[in-house]
């Protein structure tokens, strides 16, 4: 009797294993994409929180008025210094960071109030908003913070 020892795998077994690995890799990539969007949302929220702190600095430097906060946060690099009272470098850096995470910072202010918001990466129709009354929340729409509504509500 001629017995041969079969060592190794058949072609079908190898193809099945490769297919299973491919399916698992696709699932991992989908999960990582969602995690990446959530991480960018967290970055945008952090930037808005830091802009909130800078709004209070501008308030203190502007005779206890929020008047220039909206212009400070919305101005281009050339006009920002007149409104930010020494905080322009930080404001530009935070706006650029939010933009690189997929957000876009907008703000509005009056003498007694301000709000600042940015669209979120994971859901383009929602935004994160912070205002002078202490509210910091996710809104289901973008554009809540405007010259006609200087709050996050």
Protein backbone atom coordinates (compact mmCIF):
# COMPACT_ATOMS: atom_id res chain seq x y z
CA UNK A 1 0.00 0.00 0.00
CA UNK A 2 1.29 3.35 -1.01
CA UNK A 3 0.33 5.95 1.56
CA UNK A 4 1.23 9.54 0.97
CA UNK A 5 1.29 11.99 3.79
CA UNK A 6 -0.78 15.02 2.93
CA UNK A 7 0.85 18.05 4.39
CA UNK A 8 -0.44 21.52 3.60
CA UNK A 9 -3.75 23.06 2.69
CA UNK A 10 -5.95 22.71 -0.33
CA UNK A 11 -6.62 25.65 -2.60
CA UNK A 12 -10.22 25.90 -1.38
CA UNK A 13 -9.15 26.03 2.26
CA UNK A 14 -6.72 28.86 1.49
CA UNK A 15 -9.37 30.82 -0.43
CA UNK A 16 -11.85 30.48 2.44
CA UNK A 17 -9.31 31.77 4.94
CA UNK A 18 -8.38 34.71 2.69
CA UNK A 19 -12.08 35.58 2.25
CA UNK A 20 -12.65 35.53 6.02
CA UNK A 21 -9.62 37.78 6.60
CA UNK A 22 -10.91 40.18 3.93
CA UNK A 23 -14.34 40.41 5.59
CA UNK A 24 -12.80 41.03 9.01
CA UNK A 25 -10.50 43.72 7.58
CA UNK A 26 -13.48 45.51 5.99
CA UNK A 27 -15.34 45.50 9.32
CA UNK A 28 -12.33 46.94 11.14
CA UNK A 29 -11.94 49.72 8.56
CA UNK A 30 -15.59 50.74 8.96
CA UNK A 31 -15.23 50.85 12.74
CA UNK A 32 -12.04 52.91 12.49
CA UNK A 33 -13.75 55.42 10.18
CA UNK A 34 -16.46 56.09 12.77
CA UNK A 35 -13.88 56.40 15.53
CA UNK A 36 -11.90 58.87 13.43
CA UNK A 37 -14.98 61.08 12.95
CA UNK A 38 -15.74 60.99 16.67
CA UNK A 39 -12.14 61.93 17.46
CA UNK A 40 -12.38 64.91 15.09
CA UNK A 41 -15.66 65.93 16.77
CA UNK A 42 -13.90 65.82 20.14
CA UNK A 43 -11.15 68.03 18.71
CA UNK A 44 -13.71 70.55 17.43
CA UNK A 45 -15.46 70.58 20.83
CA UNK A 46 -12.13 71.18 22.55
CA UNK A 47 -11.33 74.07 20.20
CA UNK A 48 -14.73 75.66 20.88
CA UNK A 49 -14.11 75.27 24.64
CA UNK A 50 -10.76 77.03 24.31
CA UNK A 51 -12.35 79.79 22.23
CA UNK A 52 -14.86 80.18 25.04
CA UNK A 53 -11.98 80.85 27.44
CA UNK A 54 -10.46 83.34 24.98
CA UNK A 55 -13.83 85.11 24.73
CA UNK A 56 -13.61 85.81 28.45
CA UNK A 57 -10.07 87.16 27.99
CA UNK A 58 -11.30 89.48 25.23
CA UNK A 59 -14.21 90.48 27.49
CA UNK A 60 -11.82 91.44 30.30
CA UNK A 61 -9.52 93.34 27.94
CA UNK A 62 -12.42 95.20 26.31
CA UNK A 63 -13.85 96.93 29.38
CA UNK A 64 -16.21 94.09 30.36
CA UNK A 65 -17.92 93.94 26.98
CA UNK A 66 -18.28 91.08 24.52
CA UNK A 67 -18.69 93.51 21.59
CA UNK A 68 -15.54 92.50 19.70
CA UNK A 69 -15.68 88.73 20.37
CA UNK A 70 -17.69 88.01 17.21
CA UNK A 71 -15.34 90.08 15.06
CA UNK A 72 -12.30 88.55 16.75
CA UNK A 73 -13.40 84.98 16.02
CA UNK A 74 -14.66 85.70 12.49
CA UNK A 75 -12.01 88.11 11.14
CA UNK A 76 -9.32 87.17 8.68
CA UNK A 77 -5.68 87.22 9.74
CA UNK A 78 -5.12 90.85 8.69
CA UNK A 79 -8.01 92.37 10.67
CA UNK A 80 -8.00 90.11 13.70
CA UNK A 81 -5.49 92.03 15.88
CA UNK A 82 -7.75 95.05 16.32
CA UNK A 83 -10.52 92.94 17.83
CA UNK A 84 -8.71 90.25 19.83
CA UNK A 85 -6.58 92.32 22.20
CA UNK A 86 -3.49 90.11 22.12
CA UNK A 87 -5.28 86.78 21.64
CA UNK A 88 -5.09 86.74 17.85
CA UNK A 89 -2.41 84.03 17.59
CA UNK A 90 -4.43 81.65 19.74
CA UNK A 91 -7.66 82.41 17.89
CA UNK A 92 -6.07 81.80 14.48
CA UNK A 93 -4.52 78.57 15.71
CA UNK A 94 -7.79 77.25 17.16
CA UNK A 95 -9.77 78.18 14.04
CA UNK A 96 -7.19 76.44 11.84
CA UNK A 97 -7.28 73.36 14.07
CA UNK A 98 -11.08 73.19 13.93
CA UNK A 99 -10.97 73.59 10.15
CA UNK A 100 -8.43 70.77 9.79
CA UNK A 101 -10.78 68.55 11.84
CA UNK A 102 -13.63 69.32 9.44
CA UNK A 103 -15.32 72.18 11.31
CA UNK A 104 -15.88 75.85 10.54
CA UNK A 105 -15.97 78.33 13.43
CA UNK A 106 -18.60 81.06 13.37
CA UNK A 107 -19.52 83.49 16.12
CA UNK A 108 -21.65 86.47 17.01
CA UNK A 109 -21.59 88.97 19.86
CA UNK A 110 -23.14 92.02 21.46
CA UNK A 111 -22.10 94.08 24.48
CA UNK A 112 -23.55 91.54 26.91
CA UNK A 113 -23.48 88.18 25.10
CA UNK A 114 -21.57 86.03 22.63
CA UNK A 115 -21.83 82.62 21.05
CA UNK A 116 -19.40 80.54 19.02
CA UNK A 117 -20.16 77.35 17.09
CA UNK A 118 -18.74 74.91 14.59
CA UNK A 119 -20.22 72.16 12.45
CA UNK A 120 -19.26 68.66 13.52
CA UNK A 121 -17.44 66.14 11.31
CA UNK A 122 -19.55 63.07 12.11
CA UNK A 123 -22.84 64.79 11.23
CA UNK A 124 -22.73 67.76 8.86
CA UNK A 125 -26.19 68.92 9.97
CA UNK A 126 -25.25 69.27 13.66
CA UNK A 127 -22.99 71.73 15.44
CA UNK A 128 -21.33 72.31 18.79
CA UNK A 129 -22.15 75.66 20.35
CA UNK A 130 -20.91 77.57 23.40
CA UNK A 131 -22.12 80.92 24.69
CA UNK A 132 -21.51 83.50 27.39
CA UNK A 133 -24.25 82.13 29.66
CA UNK A 134 -22.29 78.91 30.19
CA UNK A 135 -24.18 76.72 27.73
CA UNK A 136 -22.06 74.30 25.70
CA UNK A 137 -24.04 71.75 23.72
CA UNK A 138 -24.57 69.90 20.47
CA UNK A 139 -27.36 71.36 18.34
CA UNK A 140 -29.16 69.39 15.66
CA UNK A 141 -28.77 72.25 13.18
CA UNK A 142 -25.90 74.43 12.02
CA UNK A 143 -26.28 78.20 12.25
CA UNK A 144 -27.95 78.49 15.66
CA UNK A 145 -25.38 81.11 16.64
CA UNK A 146 -26.05 84.19 14.51
CA UNK A 147 -26.33 87.97 14.71
CA UNK A 148 -30.07 87.56 15.39
CA UNK A 149 -29.62 84.79 17.99
CA UNK A 150 -26.60 85.29 20.22
CA UNK A 151 -27.06 82.11 22.21
CA UNK A 152 -26.92 78.35 21.76
CA UNK A 153 -30.65 77.86 22.38
